[in-house]
PDB file of N, CA and C in Angstrom:
ATOM      1  N   MET A   1      52.255 -62.451 -39.426  1.00  0.00           N
ATOM      2  CA  MET A   1      51.629 -63.275 -40.391  1.00  0.00           C
ATOM      3  C   MET A   1      51.257 -62.409 -41.566  1.00  0.00           C
ATOM      4  N   SER A   2      51.683 -62.762 -42.786  1.00  0.00           N
ATOM      5  CA  SER A   2      51.378 -62.003 -43.984  1.00  0.00           C
ATOM      6  C   SER A   2      50.381 -62.705 -44.848  1.00  0.00           C
ATOM      7  N   LEU A   3      49.652 -61.931 -45.606  1.00  0.00           N
ATOM      8  CA  LEU A   3      48.661 -62.478 -46.504  1.00  0.00           C
ATOM      9  C   LEU A   3      49.235 -62.541 -47.925  1.00  0.00           C
ATOM     10  N   ASP A   4      49.039 -63.616 -48.613  1.00  0.00           N
ATOM     11  CA  ASP A   4      49.472 -63.655 -50.036  1.00  0.00           C
ATOM     12  C   ASP A   4      48.416 -62.942 -50.863  1.00  0.00           C
ATOM     13  N   ALA A   5      48.693 -62.744 -52.103  1.00  0.00           N
ATOM     14  CA  ALA A   5      47.835 -61.938 -53.011  1.00  0.00           C
ATOM     15  C   ALA A   5      46.420 -62.561 -53.121  1.00  0.00           C
ATOM     16  N   SER A   6      46.347 -63.895 -53.194  1.00  0.00           N
ATOM     17  CA  SER A   6      45.081 -64.578 -53.331  1.00  0.00           C
ATOM     18  C   SER A   6      44.206 -64.398 -52.082  1.00  0.00           C
ATOM     19  N   ALA A   7      44.783 -64.524 -50.921  1.00  0.00           N
ATOM     20  CA  ALA A   7      44.053 -64.360 -49.665  1.00  0.00           C
ATOM     21  C   ALA A   7      43.578 -62.914 -49.507  1.00  0.00           C
ATOM     22  N   LEU A   8      44.415 -61.974 -49.915  1.00  0.00           N
ATOM     23  CA  LEU A   8      44.050 -60.552 -49.856  1.00  0.00           C
ATOM     24  C   LEU A   8      42.875 -60.247 -50.760  1.00  0.00           C
ATOM     25  N   LYS A   9      42.896 -60.799 -51.993  1.00  0.00           N
ATOM     26  CA  LYS A   9      41.773 -60.558 -52.916  1.00  0.00           C
ATOM     27  C   LYS A   9      40.483 -61.158 -52.356  1.00  0.00           C
ATOM     28  N   LYS A  10      40.608 -62.357 -51.785  1.00  0.00           N
ATOM     29  CA  LYS A  10      39.421 -62.989 -51.201  1.00  0.00           C
ATOM     30  C   LYS A  10      38.828 -62.167 -50.043  1.00  0.00           C
ATOM     31  N   ALA A  11      39.709 -61.657 -49.199  1.00  0.00           N
ATOM     32  CA  ALA A  11      39.287 -60.815 -48.065  1.00  0.00           C
ATOM     33  C   ALA A  11      38.595 -59.542 -48.559  1.00  0.00           C
ATOM     34  N   LEU A  12      39.140 -58.953 -49.604  1.00  0.00           N
ATOM     35  CA  LEU A  12      38.541 -57.755 -50.165  1.00  0.00           C
ATOM     36  C   LEU A  12      37.171 -58.035 -50.785  1.00  0.00           C
ATOM     37  N   ARG A  13      37.012 -59.166 -51.434  1.00  0.00           N
ATOM     38  CA  ARG A  13      35.704 -59.525 -52.027  1.00  0.00           C
ATOM     39  C   ARG A  13      34.657 -59.737 -50.944  1.00  0.00           C
ATOM     40  N   VAL A  14      35.040 -60.449 -49.900  1.00  0.00           N
ATOM     41  CA  VAL A  14      34.115 -60.700 -48.782  1.00  0.00           C
ATOM     42  C   VAL A  14      33.715 -59.382 -48.120  1.00  0.00           C
ATOM     43  N   GLY A  15      34.675 -58.519 -47.900  1.00  0.00           N
ATOM     44  CA  GLY A  15      34.360 -57.220 -47.273  1.00  0.00           C
ATOM     45  C   GLY A  15      33.496 -56.344 -48.187  1.00  0.00           C
ATOM     46  N   THR A  16      33.740 -56.380 -49.479  1.00  0.00           N
ATOM     47  CA  THR A  16      32.906 -55.613 -50.439  1.00  0.00           C
ATOM     48  C   THR A  16      31.490 -56.140 -50.459  1.00  0.00           C
ATOM     49  N   CYS A  17      31.327 -57.463 -50.443  1.00  0.00           N
ATOM     50  CA  CYS A  17      29.984 -58.028 -50.437  1.00  0.00           C
ATOM     51  C   CYS A  17      29.253 -57.680 -49.156  1.00  0.00           C
ATOM     52  N   ALA A  18      29.934 -57.729 -48.042  1.00  0.00           N
ATOM     53  CA  ALA A  18      29.299 -57.354 -46.769  1.00  0.00           C
ATOM     54  C   ALA A  18      28.806 -55.922 -46.770  1.00  0.00           C
ATOM     55  N   LEU A  19      29.639 -55.024 -47.272  1.00  0.00           N
ATOM     56  CA  LEU A  19      29.245 -53.608 -47.374  1.00  0.00           C
ATOM     57  C   LEU A  19      28.095 -53.414 -48.319  1.00  0.00           C
ATOM     58  N   ALA A  20      28.088 -54.139 -49.454  1.00  0.00           N
ATOM     59  CA  ALA A  20      26.974 -54.033 -50.388  1.00  0.00           C
ATOM     60  C   ALA A  20      25.676 -54.504 -49.776  1.00  0.00           C
ATOM     61  N   LEU A  21      25.715 -55.621 -49.049  1.00  0.00           N
ATOM     62  CA  LEU A  21      24.502 -56.123 -48.397  1.00  0.00           C
ATOM     63  C   LEU A  21      24.007 -55.206 -47.292  1.00  0.00           C
ATOM     64  N   ALA A  22      24.904 -54.566 -46.598  1.00  0.00           N
ATOM     65  CA  ALA A  22      24.534 -53.694 -45.516  1.00  0.00           C
ATOM     66  C   ALA A  22      23.761 -52.493 -46.049  1.00  0.00           C
ATOM     67  N   GLY A  23      23.991 -52.103 -47.296  1.00  0.00           N
ATOM     68  CA  GLY A  23      23.296 -50.989 -47.883  1.00  0.00           C
ATOM     69  C   GLY A  23      21.963 -51.351 -48.450  1.00  0.00           C
ATOM     70  N   CYS A  24      21.525 -52.574 -48.307  1.00  0.00           N
ATOM     71  CA  CYS A  24      20.249 -53.036 -48.923  1.00  0.00           C
ATOM     72  C   CYS A  24      19.073 -52.857 -47.988  1.00  0.00           C
ATOM     73  N   GLY A  25      19.171 -52.140 -46.941  1.00  0.00           N
ATOM     74  CA  GLY A  25      18.027 -51.943 -46.007  1.00  0.00           C
ATOM     75  C   GLY A  25      16.888 -51.230 -46.703  1.00  0.00           C
ATOM     76  N   ALA A  26      15.678 -51.459 -46.207  1.00  0.00           N
ATOM     77  CA  ALA A  26      14.511 -50.819 -46.780  1.00  0.00           C
ATOM     78  C   ALA A  26      14.449 -49.343 -46.385  1.00  0.00           C
ATOM     79  N   SER A  27      14.365 -48.459 -47.350  1.00  0.00           N
ATOM     80  CA  SER A  27      14.209 -47.044 -47.042  1.00  0.00           C
ATOM     81  C   SER A  27      12.915 -46.503 -47.614  1.00  0.00           C
ATOM     82  N   SER A  28      12.087 -47.424 -48.076  1.00  0.00           N
ATOM     83  CA  SER A  28      10.786 -47.017 -48.625  1.00  0.00           C
ATOM     84  C   SER A  28       9.730 -47.033 -47.555  1.00  0.00           C
ATOM     85  N   PRO A  29       8.534 -46.467 -47.854  1.00  0.00           N
ATOM     86  CA  PRO A  29       7.474 -46.546 -46.875  1.00  0.00           C
ATOM     87  C   PRO A  29       7.125 -47.966 -46.482  1.00  0.00           C
ATOM     88  N   ALA A  30       7.338 -48.935 -47.350  1.00  0.00           N
ATOM     89  CA  ALA A  30       7.086 -50.310 -46.991  1.00  0.00           C
ATOM     90  C   ALA A  30       7.893 -50.729 -45.797  1.00  0.00           C
ATOM     91  N   GLY A  31       9.069 -50.185 -45.684  1.00  0.00           N
ATOM     92  CA  GLY A  31       9.917 -50.441 -44.516  1.00  0.00           C
ATOM     93  C   GLY A  31       9.266 -49.958 -43.253  1.00  0.00           C
ATOM     94  N   HIS A  32       8.529 -48.838 -43.369  1.00  0.00           N
ATOM     95  CA  HIS A  32       7.814 -48.338 -42.197  1.00  0.00           C
ATOM     96  C   HIS A  32       6.654 -49.262 -41.815  1.00  0.00           C
ATOM     97  N   VAL A  33       5.960 -49.712 -42.844  1.00  0.00           N
ATOM     98  CA  VAL A  33       4.836 -50.627 -42.565  1.00  0.00           C
ATOM     99  C   VAL A  33       5.348 -51.866 -41.865  1.00  0.00           C
ATOM    100  N   ALA A  34       6.513 -52.392 -42.296  1.00  0.00           N
ATOM    101  CA  ALA A  34       7.047 -53.604 -41.699  1.00  0.00           C
ATOM    102  C   ALA A  34       7.369 -53.381 -40.229  1.00  0.00           C
ATOM    103  N   SER A  35       7.747 -52.145 -39.841  1.00  0.00           N
ATOM    104  CA  SER A  35       8.116 -51.901 -38.451  1.00  0.00           C
ATOM    105  C   SER A  35       6.912 -51.504 -37.590  1.00  0.00           C
ATOM    106  N   ALA A  36       5.764 -51.273 -38.216  1.00  0.00           N
ATOM    107  CA  ALA A  36       4.579 -50.938 -37.426  1.00  0.00           C
ATOM    108  C   ALA A  36       3.896 -52.177 -36.903  1.00  0.00           C
ATOM    109  N   ASP A  37       3.304 -52.052 -35.714  1.00  0.00           N
ATOM    110  CA  ASP A  37       2.570 -53.201 -35.123  1.00  0.00           C
ATOM    111  C   ASP A  37       1.156 -53.305 -35.747  1.00  0.00           C
ATOM    112  N   VAL A  38       0.640 -52.154 -36.169  1.00  0.00           N
ATOM    113  CA  VAL A  38      -0.704 -52.127 -36.781  1.00  0.00           C
ATOM    114  C   VAL A  38      -0.689 -51.073 -37.906  1.00  0.00           C
ATOM    115  N   LEU A  39      -1.444 -51.377 -38.912  1.00  0.00           N
ATOM    116  CA  LEU A  39      -1.604 -50.445 -40.052  1.00  0.00           C
ATOM    117  C   LEU A  39      -3.041 -50.045 -40.154  1.00  0.00           C
ATOM    118  N   VAL A  40      -3.281 -48.732 -40.222  1.00  0.00           N
ATOM    119  CA  VAL A  40      -4.620 -48.175 -40.403  1.00  0.00           C
ATOM    120  C   VAL A  40      -4.703 -47.597 -41.798  1.00  0.00           C
ATOM    121  N   THR A  41      -5.599 -48.139 -42.599  1.00  0.00           N
ATOM    122  CA  THR A  41      -5.782 -47.660 -43.960  1.00  0.00           C
ATOM    123  C   THR A  41      -7.085 -46.887 -44.020  1.00  0.00           C
ATOM    124  N   PHE A  42      -7.001 -45.642 -44.474  1.00  0.00           N
ATOM    125  CA  PHE A  42      -8.164 -44.808 -44.677  1.00  0.00           C
ATOM    126  C   PHE A  42      -8.638 -45.076 -46.103  1.00  0.00           C
ATOM    127  N   ASP A  43      -9.698 -45.890 -46.227  1.00  0.00           N
ATOM    128  CA  ASP A  43     -10.130 -46.379 -47.524  1.00  0.00           C
ATOM    129  C   ASP A  43     -11.298 -45.518 -48.072  1.00  0.00           C
ATOM    130  N   GLY A  44     -10.951 -44.637 -48.937  1.00  0.00           N
ATOM    131  CA  GLY A  44     -11.956 -43.702 -49.518  1.00  0.00           C
ATOM    132  C   GLY A  44     -12.932 -44.433 -50.396  1.00  0.00           C
ATOM    133  N   LYS A  45     -12.553 -45.558 -50.962  1.00  0.00           N
ATOM    134  CA  LYS A  45     -13.460 -46.335 -51.825  1.00  0.00           C
ATOM    135  C   LYS A  45     -14.579 -46.965 -51.019  1.00  0.00           C
ATOM    136  N   ARG A  46     -14.229 -47.489 -49.818  1.00  0.00           N
ATOM    137  CA  ARG A  46     -15.205 -48.130 -48.952  1.00  0.00           C
ATOM    138  C   ARG A  46     -15.779 -47.166 -47.903  1.00  0.00           C
ATOM    139  N   HIS A  47     -15.237 -45.983 -47.832  1.00  0.00           N
ATOM    140  CA  HIS A  47     -15.640 -45.006 -46.826  1.00  0.00           C
ATOM    141  C   HIS A  47     -15.536 -45.582 -45.427  1.00  0.00           C
ATOM    142  N   ALA A  48     -14.402 -46.211 -45.161  1.00  0.00           N
ATOM    143  CA  ALA A  48     -14.186 -46.878 -43.860  1.00  0.00           C
ATOM    144  C   ALA A  48     -12.694 -46.891 -43.551  1.00  0.00           C
ATOM    145  N   CYS A  49     -12.384 -47.252 -42.331  1.00  0.00           N
ATOM    146  CA  CYS A  49     -10.994 -47.501 -41.932  1.00  0.00           C
ATOM    147  C   CYS A  49     -10.806 -48.996 -41.863  1.00  0.00           C
ATOM    148  N   VAL A  50      -9.650 -49.432 -42.370  1.00  0.00           N
ATOM    149  CA  VAL A  50      -9.301 -50.824 -42.351  1.00  0.00           C
ATOM    150  C   VAL A  50      -8.080 -50.949 -41.423  1.00  0.00           C
ATOM    151  N   VAL A  51      -8.217 -51.812 -40.417  1.00  0.00           N
ATOM    152  CA  VAL A  51      -7.181 -51.974 -39.409  1.00  0.00           C
ATOM    153  C   VAL A  51      -6.610 -53.371 -39.510  1.00  0.00           C
ATOM    154  N   ALA A  52      -5.268 -53.470 -39.607  1.00  0.00           N
ATOM    155  CA  ALA A  52      -4.631 -54.792 -39.771  1.00  0.00           C
ATOM    156  C   ALA A  52      -3.355 -54.855 -38.930  1.00  0.00           C
ATOM    157  N   LEU A  53      -3.176 -55.975 -38.273  1.00  0.00           N
ATOM    158  CA  LEU A  53      -1.922 -56.238 -37.608  1.00  0.00           C
ATOM    159  C   LEU A  53      -0.844 -56.385 -38.643  1.00  0.00           C
ATOM    160  N   LYS A  54       0.412 -56.191 -38.255  1.00  0.00           N
ATOM    161  CA  LYS A  54       1.508 -56.230 -39.217  1.00  0.00           C
ATOM    162  C   LYS A  54       1.635 -57.507 -39.999  1.00  0.00           C
ATOM    163  N   ASP A  55       1.166 -58.650 -39.416  1.00  0.00           N
ATOM    164  CA  ASP A  55       1.311 -59.937 -40.097  1.00  0.00           C
ATOM    165  C   ASP A  55       0.000 -60.383 -40.749  1.00  0.00           C
ATOM    166  N   GLU A  56      -1.008 -59.509 -40.822  1.00  0.00           N
ATOM    167  CA  GLU A  56      -2.269 -59.857 -41.427  1.00  0.00           C
ATOM    168  C   GLU A  56      -2.295 -59.386 -42.887  1.00  0.00           C
ATOM    169  N   PRO A  57      -2.632 -60.259 -43.830  1.00  0.00           N
ATOM    170  CA  PRO A  57      -2.669 -59.825 -45.222  1.00  0.00           C
ATOM    171  C   PRO A  57      -3.893 -58.907 -45.467  1.00  0.00           C
ATOM    172  N   GLN A  58      -4.982 -59.143 -44.742  1.00  0.00           N
ATOM    173  CA  GLN A  58      -6.176 -58.288 -44.838  1.00  0.00           C
ATOM    174  C   GLN A  58      -6.545 -57.855 -43.420  1.00  0.00           C
ATOM    175  N   GLY A  59      -7.136 -56.678 -43.359  1.00  0.00           N
ATOM    176  CA  GLY A  59      -7.539 -56.215 -42.029  1.00  0.00           C
ATOM    177  C   GLY A  59      -9.060 -56.269 -41.852  1.00  0.00           C
ATOM    178  N   SER A  60      -9.478 -55.615 -40.803  1.00  0.00           N
ATOM    179  CA  SER A  60     -10.882 -55.532 -40.480  1.00  0.00           C
ATOM    180  C   SER A  60     -11.387 -54.146 -40.820  1.00  0.00           C
ATOM    181  N   SER A  61     -12.513 -54.068 -41.507  1.00  0.00           N
ATOM    182  CA  SER A  61     -13.108 -52.784 -41.819  1.00  0.00           C
ATOM    183  C   SER A  61     -13.947 -52.330 -40.642  1.00  0.00           C
ATOM    184  N   VAL A  62     -13.613 -51.166 -40.094  1.00  0.00           N
ATOM    185  CA  VAL A  62     -14.321 -50.641 -38.932  1.00  0.00           C
ATOM    186  C   VAL A  62     -14.653 -49.171 -39.171  1.00  0.00           C
ATOM    187  N   SER A  63     -15.622 -48.702 -38.407  1.00  0.00           N
ATOM    188  CA  SER A  63     -15.911 -47.259 -38.464  1.00  0.00           C
ATOM    189  C   SER A  63     -14.669 -46.512 -37.987  1.00  0.00           C
ATOM    190  N   CYS A  64     -14.369 -45.413 -38.581  1.00  0.00           N
ATOM    191  CA  CYS A  64     -13.182 -44.667 -38.184  1.00  0.00           C
ATOM    192  C   CYS A  64     -13.230 -44.217 -36.744  1.00  0.00           C
ATOM    193  N   ASP A  65     -14.445 -43.990 -36.234  1.00  0.00           N
ATOM    194  CA  ASP A  65     -14.616 -43.625 -34.821  1.00  0.00           C
ATOM    195  C   ASP A  65     -14.278 -44.804 -33.902  1.00  0.00           C
ATOM    196  N   GLU A  66     -14.252 -46.007 -34.413  1.00  0.00           N
ATOM    197  CA  GLU A  66     -13.993 -47.173 -33.601  1.00  0.00           C
ATOM    198  C   GLU A  66     -12.546 -47.719 -33.715  1.00  0.00           C
ATOM    199  N   VAL A  67     -11.657 -47.003 -34.389  1.00  0.00           N
ATOM    200  CA  VAL A  67     -10.299 -47.506 -34.605  1.00  0.00           C
ATOM    201  C   VAL A  67      -9.586 -47.718 -33.286  1.00  0.00           C
ATOM    202  N   VAL A  68      -9.604 -46.699 -32.405  1.00  0.00           N
ATOM    203  CA  VAL A  68      -8.861 -46.832 -31.124  1.00  0.00           C
ATOM    204  C   VAL A  68      -9.434 -47.936 -30.239  1.00  0.00           C
ATOM    205  N   PRO A  69     -10.717 -48.021 -30.023  1.00  0.00           N
ATOM    206  CA  PRO A  69     -11.255 -49.126 -29.249  1.00  0.00           C
ATOM    207  C   PRO A  69     -10.944 -50.473 -29.884  1.00  0.00           C
ATOM    208  N   PHE A  70     -10.987 -50.544 -31.203  1.00  0.00           N
ATOM    209  CA  PHE A  70     -10.704 -51.819 -31.866  1.00  0.00           C
ATOM    210  C   PHE A  70      -9.242 -52.243 -31.654  1.00  0.00           C
ATOM    211  N   VAL A  71      -8.331 -51.276 -31.809  1.00  0.00           N
ATOM    212  CA  VAL A  71      -6.909 -51.591 -31.608  1.00  0.00           C
ATOM    213  C   VAL A  71      -6.644 -51.994 -30.169  1.00  0.00           C
ATOM    214  N   ARG A  72      -7.252 -51.316 -29.224  1.00  0.00           N
ATOM    215  CA  ARG A  72      -7.027 -51.567 -27.814  1.00  0.00           C
ATOM    216  C   ARG A  72      -7.749 -52.818 -27.335  1.00  0.00           C
ATOM    217  N   ASP A  73      -9.040 -52.967 -27.656  1.00  0.00           N
ATOM    218  CA  ASP A  73      -9.862 -54.022 -27.092  1.00  0.00           C
ATOM    219  C   ASP A  73      -9.903 -55.297 -27.891  1.00  0.00           C
ATOM    220  N   GLU A  74      -9.961 -55.199 -29.205  1.00  0.00           N
ATOM    221  CA  GLU A  74     -10.029 -56.377 -30.059  1.00  0.00           C
ATOM    222  C   GLU A  74      -8.662 -56.922 -30.409  1.00  0.00           C
ATOM    223  N   LEU A  75      -7.756 -56.028 -30.842  1.00  0.00           N
ATOM    224  CA  LEU A  75      -6.400 -56.493 -31.180  1.00  0.00           C
ATOM    225  C   LEU A  75      -5.514 -56.626 -29.946  1.00  0.00           C
ATOM    226  N   ARG A  76      -5.920 -55.941 -28.856  1.00  0.00           N
ATOM    227  CA  ARG A  76      -5.198 -55.983 -27.605  1.00  0.00           C
ATOM    228  C   ARG A  76      -3.742 -55.533 -27.717  1.00  0.00           C
ATOM    229  N   LEU A  77      -3.550 -54.474 -28.494  1.00  0.00           N
ATOM    230  CA  LEU A  77      -2.220 -53.895 -28.609  1.00  0.00           C
ATOM    231  C   LEU A  77      -1.995 -52.990 -27.400  1.00  0.00           C
ATOM    232  N   PRO A  78      -0.862 -53.144 -26.725  1.00  0.00           N
ATOM    233  CA  PRO A  78      -0.598 -52.316 -25.555  1.00  0.00           C
ATOM    234  C   PRO A  78      -0.243 -50.877 -25.942  1.00  0.00           C
ATOM    235  N   SER A  79      -0.472 -49.971 -25.020  1.00  0.00           N
ATOM    236  CA  SER A  79      -0.026 -48.602 -25.191  1.00  0.00           C
ATOM    237  C   SER A  79       1.461 -48.600 -25.501  1.00  0.00           C
ATOM    238  N   GLY A  80       1.868 -47.791 -26.421  1.00  0.00           N
ATOM    239  CA  GLY A  80       3.268 -47.752 -26.816  1.00  0.00           C
ATOM    240  C   GLY A  80       3.584 -48.516 -28.091  1.00  0.00           C
ATOM    241  N   ALA A  81       2.608 -49.322 -28.555  1.00  0.00           N
ATOM    242  CA  ALA A  81       2.779 -50.033 -29.830  1.00  0.00           C
ATOM    243  C   ALA A  81       2.824 -48.998 -30.957  1.00  0.00           C
ATOM    244  N   HIS A  82       3.440 -49.357 -32.067  1.00  0.00           N
ATOM    245  CA  HIS A  82       3.619 -48.465 -33.203  1.00  0.00           C
ATOM    246  C   HIS A  82       2.552 -48.696 -34.283  1.00  0.00           C
ATOM    247  N   TYR A  83       2.080 -47.599 -34.823  1.00  0.00           N
ATOM    248  CA  TYR A  83       1.110 -47.680 -35.913  1.00  0.00           C
ATOM    249  C   TYR A  83       1.605 -46.904 -37.145  1.00  0.00           C
ATOM    250  N   ASP A  84       1.089 -47.263 -38.294  1.00  0.00           N
ATOM    251  CA  ASP A  84       1.351 -46.516 -39.504  1.00  0.00           C
ATOM    252  C   ASP A  84       0.017 -46.337 -40.219  1.00  0.00           C
ATOM    253  N   THR A  85      -0.055 -45.328 -41.041  1.00  0.00           N
ATOM    254  CA  THR A  85      -1.324 -45.072 -41.775  1.00  0.00           C
ATOM    255  C   THR A  85      -1.008 -44.921 -43.273  1.00  0.00           C
ATOM    256  N   ARG A  86      -2.052 -45.233 -44.033  1.00  0.00           N
ATOM    257  CA  ARG A  86      -1.990 -44.966 -45.461  1.00  0.00           C
ATOM    258  C   ARG A  86      -3.395 -44.640 -45.904  1.00  0.00           C
ATOM    259  N   THR A  87      -3.480 -44.038 -47.065  1.00  0.00           N
ATOM    260  CA  THR A  87      -4.782 -43.613 -47.603  1.00  0.00           C
ATOM    261  C   THR A  87      -4.982 -44.197 -49.010  1.00  0.00           C
ATOM    262  N   VAL A  88      -6.138 -44.779 -49.234  1.00  0.00           N
ATOM    263  CA  VAL A  88      -6.533 -45.314 -50.538  1.00  0.00           C
ATOM    264  C   VAL A  88      -7.673 -44.398 -51.031  1.00  0.00           C
ATOM    265  N   ALA A  89      -7.433 -43.818 -52.171  1.00  0.00           N
ATOM    266  CA  ALA A  89      -8.389 -42.879 -52.756  1.00  0.00           C
ATOM    267  C   ALA A  89      -8.496 -41.631 -51.877  1.00  0.00           C
ATOM    268  N   SER A  90      -9.403 -40.796 -52.193  1.00  0.00           N
ATOM    269  CA  SER A  90      -9.577 -39.516 -51.438  1.00  0.00           C
ATOM    270  C   SER A  90     -10.283 -39.818 -50.114  1.00  0.00           C
ATOM    271  N   PHE A  91      -9.791 -39.158 -49.040  1.00  0.00           N
ATOM    272  CA  PHE A  91     -10.381 -39.396 -47.727  1.00  0.00           C
ATOM    273  C   PHE A  91     -10.398 -38.072 -46.984  1.00  0.00           C
ATOM    274  N   ASP A  92     -11.387 -37.881 -46.129  1.00  0.00           N
ATOM    275  CA  ASP A  92     -11.586 -36.665 -45.357  1.00  0.00           C
ATOM    276  C   ASP A  92     -10.390 -36.438 -44.436  1.00  0.00           C
ATOM    277  N   GLN A  93      -9.684 -35.331 -44.613  1.00  0.00           N
ATOM    278  CA  GLN A  93      -8.492 -35.045 -43.809  1.00  0.00           C
ATOM    279  C   GLN A  93      -8.807 -34.811 -42.337  1.00  0.00           C
ATOM    280  N   ALA A  94      -9.966 -34.284 -42.049  1.00  0.00           N
ATOM    281  CA  ALA A  94     -10.357 -34.062 -40.634  1.00  0.00           C
ATOM    282  C   ALA A  94     -10.516 -35.427 -39.926  1.00  0.00           C
ATOM    283  N   THR A  95     -11.073 -36.407 -40.602  1.00  0.00           N
ATOM    284  CA  THR A  95     -11.258 -37.746 -40.008  1.00  0.00           C
ATOM    285  C   THR A  95      -9.881 -38.365 -39.772  1.00  0.00           C
ATOM    286  N   ILE A  96      -8.992 -38.235 -40.750  1.00  0.00           N
ATOM    287  CA  ILE A  96      -7.633 -38.793 -40.589  1.00  0.00           C
ATOM    288  C   ILE A  96      -6.953 -38.164 -39.367  1.00  0.00           C
ATOM    289  N   ALA A  97      -7.044 -36.849 -39.260  1.00  0.00           N
ATOM    290  CA  ALA A  97      -6.439 -36.154 -38.114  1.00  0.00           C
ATOM    291  C   ALA A  97      -7.064 -36.600 -36.802  1.00  0.00           C
ATOM    292  N   ARG A  98      -8.370 -36.788 -36.791  1.00  0.00           N
ATOM    293  CA  ARG A  98      -9.077 -37.228 -35.575  1.00  0.00           C
ATOM    294  C   ARG A  98      -8.636 -38.637 -35.141  1.00  0.00           C
ATOM    295  N   VAL A  99      -8.498 -39.548 -36.099  1.00  0.00           N
ATOM    296  CA  VAL A  99      -8.099 -40.916 -35.778  1.00  0.00           C
ATOM    297  C   VAL A  99      -6.654 -40.906 -35.301  1.00  0.00           C
ATOM    298  N   GLU A 100      -5.774 -40.194 -35.972  1.00  0.00           N
ATOM    299  CA  GLU A 100      -4.369 -40.116 -35.528  1.00  0.00           C
ATOM    300  C   GLU A 100      -4.264 -39.510 -34.140  1.00  0.00           C
ATOM    301  N   ALA A 101      -5.022 -38.466 -33.859  1.00  0.00           N
ATOM    302  CA  ALA A 101      -4.973 -37.855 -32.532  1.00  0.00           C
ATOM    303  C   ALA A 101      -5.494 -38.820 -31.468  1.00  0.00           C
ATOM    304  N   GLY A 102      -6.506 -39.610 -31.818  1.00  0.00           N
ATOM    305  CA  GLY A 102      -7.022 -40.619 -30.881  1.00  0.00           C
ATOM    306  C   GLY A 102      -6.018 -41.704 -30.605  1.00  0.00           C
ATOM    307  N   LEU A 103      -5.306 -42.142 -31.635  1.00  0.00           N
ATOM    308  CA  LEU A 103      -4.281 -43.146 -31.397  1.00  0.00           C
ATOM    309  C   LEU A 103      -3.176 -42.609 -30.556  1.00  0.00           C
ATOM    310  N   LYS A 104      -2.706 -41.393 -30.795  1.00  0.00           N
ATOM    311  CA  LYS A 104      -1.638 -40.793 -29.990  1.00  0.00           C
ATOM    312  C   LYS A 104      -2.132 -40.591 -28.545  1.00  0.00           C
ATOM    313  N   GLY A 105      -3.371 -40.164 -28.401  1.00  0.00           N
ATOM    314  CA  GLY A 105      -3.971 -39.938 -27.079  1.00  0.00           C
ATOM    315  C   GLY A 105      -4.065 -41.218 -26.259  1.00  0.00           C
ATOM    316  N   ALA A 106      -4.200 -42.340 -26.947  1.00  0.00           N
ATOM    317  CA  ALA A 106      -4.283 -43.662 -26.288  1.00  0.00           C
ATOM    318  C   ALA A 106      -2.897 -44.240 -26.030  1.00  0.00           C
ATOM    319  N   GLY A 107      -1.875 -43.501 -26.400  1.00  0.00           N
ATOM    320  CA  GLY A 107      -0.542 -43.956 -26.119  1.00  0.00           C
ATOM    321  C   GLY A 107       0.157 -44.664 -27.244  1.00  0.00           C
ATOM    322  N   TYR A 108      -0.482 -44.781 -28.426  1.00  0.00           N
ATOM    323  CA  TYR A 108       0.148 -45.447 -29.574  1.00  0.00           C
ATOM    324  C   TYR A 108       1.113 -44.491 -30.246  1.00  0.00           C
ATOM    325  N   GLN A 109       2.149 -45.038 -30.770  1.00  0.00           N
ATOM    326  CA  GLN A 109       3.208 -44.203 -31.344  1.00  0.00           C
ATOM    327  C   GLN A 109       3.216 -44.316 -32.853  1.00  0.00           C
ATOM    328  N   PRO A 110       3.288 -43.187 -33.586  1.00  0.00           N
ATOM    329  CA  PRO A 110       3.413 -43.275 -35.020  1.00  0.00           C
ATOM    330  C   PRO A 110       4.807 -43.776 -35.424  1.00  0.00           C
ATOM    331  N   VAL A 111       4.854 -44.468 -36.532  1.00  0.00           N
ATOM    332  CA  VAL A 111       6.168 -44.908 -37.016  1.00  0.00           C
ATOM    333  C   VAL A 111       6.970 -43.648 -37.408  1.00  0.00           C
ATOM    334  N   ALA A 112       8.193 -43.593 -36.967  1.00  0.00           N
ATOM    335  CA  ALA A 112       9.027 -42.430 -37.247  1.00  0.00           C
ATOM    336  C   ALA A 112       9.325 -42.313 -38.746  1.00  0.00           C
ATOM    337  N   GLU A 113       9.233 -41.099 -39.246  1.00  0.00           N
ATOM    338  CA  GLU A 113       9.605 -40.853 -40.640  1.00  0.00           C
ATOM    339  C   GLU A 113      11.097 -40.584 -40.694  1.00  0.00           C
ATOM    340  N   ASP A 114      11.698 -40.958 -41.842  1.00  0.00           N
ATOM    341  CA  ASP A 114      13.132 -40.698 -42.008  1.00  0.00           C
ATOM    342  C   ASP A 114      13.393 -39.218 -42.268  1.00  0.00           C
TER     343      ASP A 114
END
């Protein structure tokens, strides 16, 4: 079975479009947020941690010492769930490290960086 010129051009256009669309995946940090089950924002303006499920437009402001219990007990995320973090304004790096260590210690997984 042979293809005429019109059919060949159409097949090439479809293939080119498919390749172009395949390259449209998110490679920005927002792509990481979308794959995280929970987002922890270290909010220097409010001096608090804001915890939000991936589908919540706003999260809950909690003491940074309460992030792990909040994720485990209130949000009921199982061990192995993925989290991502971001920082708004300046925030104490020791507190960030302590919260991240607590999340990892409780079995939560950070979103992999590219």
